Protein backbone atom coordinates (compact mmCIF):
# COMPACT_ATOMS: atom_id res chain seq x y z
CA LEU A 1 -18.02 27.80 -29.30
CA ARG A 2 -17.03 26.06 -26.04
CA CYS A 3 -13.29 26.26 -25.33
CA PRO A 4 -11.08 24.44 -22.82
CA ASP A 5 -10.43 26.11 -19.45
CA GLY A 6 -7.80 28.84 -19.67
CA THR A 7 -8.67 29.76 -23.26
CA LEU A 8 -11.10 32.18 -24.82
CA SER A 9 -13.61 31.78 -27.62
CA ASP A 10 -12.76 34.24 -30.42
CA GLN A 11 -16.16 35.25 -31.79
CA THR A 12 -14.64 36.70 -34.98
CA THR A 13 -12.70 33.59 -36.05
CA GLY A 14 -14.59 30.81 -34.26
CA ARG A 15 -11.35 29.51 -32.71
CA CYS A 16 -10.09 29.01 -29.15
CA VAL A 17 -7.25 31.41 -28.27
CA SER A 18 -5.07 32.14 -25.24
CA THR A 19 -5.38 35.93 -25.69
CA CYS A 20 -7.75 38.05 -27.73
CA PRO A 21 -6.41 39.61 -30.95
CA GLN A 22 -5.62 43.33 -31.12
CA GLY A 23 -8.71 45.57 -31.33
CA VAL A 24 -11.00 43.02 -29.66
CA PHE A 25 -12.15 43.01 -26.02
CA THR A 26 -11.80 40.18 -23.49
CA ASP A 27 -15.08 39.30 -21.78
CA SER A 28 -14.15 37.18 -18.76
CA LEU A 29 -17.80 36.44 -17.91
CA SER A 30 -18.37 34.61 -21.19
CA ALA A 31 -14.69 33.60 -21.63
CA SER A 32 -14.72 35.10 -25.11
CA CYS A 33 -13.24 37.77 -27.38
CA VAL A 34 -15.91 40.27 -28.44
CA SER A 35 -16.05 43.34 -30.67
CA SER A 36 -18.26 45.18 -28.13
CA CYS A 37 -19.13 44.68 -24.47
CA ALA A 38 -22.93 44.98 -24.86
CA ASP A 39 -24.34 46.18 -21.50
CA ARG A 40 -21.00 46.25 -19.67
CA TRP A 41 -18.31 48.95 -19.55
CA THR A 42 -15.55 48.83 -22.17
CA ASP A 43 -12.12 49.40 -20.60
CA HIS A 44 -9.88 50.76 -23.36
CA THR A 45 -6.75 50.49 -21.19
CA THR A 46 -7.01 46.74 -20.57
CA MET A 47 -9.16 46.01 -23.66
CA SER A 48 -11.67 44.16 -21.47
CA CYS A 49 -15.35 44.24 -20.49
CA GLN A 50 -16.01 45.41 -16.92
CA ASP A 51 -18.98 45.85 -14.57
CA SER A 52 -17.71 49.37 -13.77
CA CYS A 53 -14.74 51.55 -14.64
CA PRO A 54 -11.61 50.72 -12.62
CA ASP A 55 -10.21 53.20 -10.10
CA GLY A 56 -8.13 55.91 -11.78
CA SER A 57 -10.01 55.75 -15.07
CA VAL A 58 -12.74 58.06 -16.33
CA ALA A 59 -16.20 57.04 -17.48
CA PHE A 60 -17.45 58.19 -20.87
CA GLU A 61 -21.22 57.75 -20.52
CA SER A 62 -22.25 58.12 -24.17
CA ASP A 63 -20.47 54.94 -25.30
CA LYS A 64 -20.16 53.27 -21.85
CA ALA A 65 -16.37 53.28 -22.04
CA CYS A 66 -13.49 53.70 -19.58
CA TYR A 67 -10.39 55.70 -20.51
CA VAL A 68 -7.22 56.95 -18.80
CA ASN A 69 -7.92 60.39 -20.32
CA CYS A 70 -11.05 61.70 -21.98
CA PRO A 71 -11.08 61.64 -25.78
CA ALA A 72 -11.19 65.04 -27.51
CA PRO A 73 -13.22 67.24 -27.34
CA TYR A 74 -14.34 66.01 -23.88
CA ASN A 75 -12.79 66.93 -20.52
CA LYS A 76 -12.47 65.08 -17.22
CA LEU A 77 -14.73 66.30 -14.42
CA GLY A 78 -14.35 64.08 -11.36
CA SER A 79 -14.48 60.55 -12.76
CA LYS A 80 -16.51 61.37 -15.89
CA CYS A 81 -15.92 62.84 -19.32
CA VAL A 82 -18.08 65.91 -20.01
CA SER A 83 -18.66 68.03 -23.10
CA SER A 84 -18.45 71.29 -21.13
CA CYS A 85 -17.11 72.22 -17.71
CA THR A 86 -19.53 73.41 -15.04
CA ASP A 87 -19.72 77.05 -13.89
CA GLY A 88 -16.50 78.34 -12.41
CA LEU A 89 -14.34 75.71 -14.10
CA TYR A 90 -12.35 75.97 -17.32
CA ALA A 91 -11.36 73.36 -19.89
CA ASP A 92 -7.63 72.64 -19.90
CA ALA A 93 -7.32 71.41 -23.51
CA ALA A 94 -3.77 70.11 -23.05
CA GLN A 95 -4.68 67.83 -20.13
CA ARG A 96 -8.32 67.21 -21.16
CA LYS A 97 -9.74 68.13 -17.74
CA CYS A 98 -11.81 70.83 -16.03
CA VAL A 99 -9.76 73.13 -13.79
CA ALA A 100 -10.55 75.98 -11.40
CA GLN A 101 -7.60 78.05 -12.60
CA CYS A 102 -5.89 78.12 -15.97
CA PRO A 103 -2.31 76.77 -15.86
CA GLY A 104 0.82 78.85 -16.39
CA GLU A 105 0.64 81.61 -18.98
CA LEU A 106 -2.88 80.72 -20.12
CA TYR A 107 -6.03 82.68 -19.39
CA ALA A 108 -9.76 81.95 -19.51
CA ASN A 109 -11.82 83.20 -22.44
C-alpha cells in the first residue's frame, strides 16, 4: 500500500495512518506499521524499528530488541542483557543488572 507523504502504511489494516496503532512498530525505512522489525532492532521504548539500539538502552540479542531495562530473568551487563553475570559480578534482581557489590543489606549467595 503506497501512502501519501507524512503518513504510514498500516500493514494490519491496509490503511494509511498518521501514527501506528498500539502494539505495532513504526518502520521509518518502509514508512509502514509492522508487527515485527525483521532484520532490524526493535526499540520497545519508542515502538520503532532501528538499525541499532539507541544510547542508554540495552540490547537483548536473542530477540534483537532494545529495552530501557532487561526483561526478567535477564540482567544488564554493559549495554547487553545476559542470562548470568560474569565471574566476580552478582545479579541485582531489583535493578536487573550485574553489580560488583551487593546493595545495602543484601549479600551474595
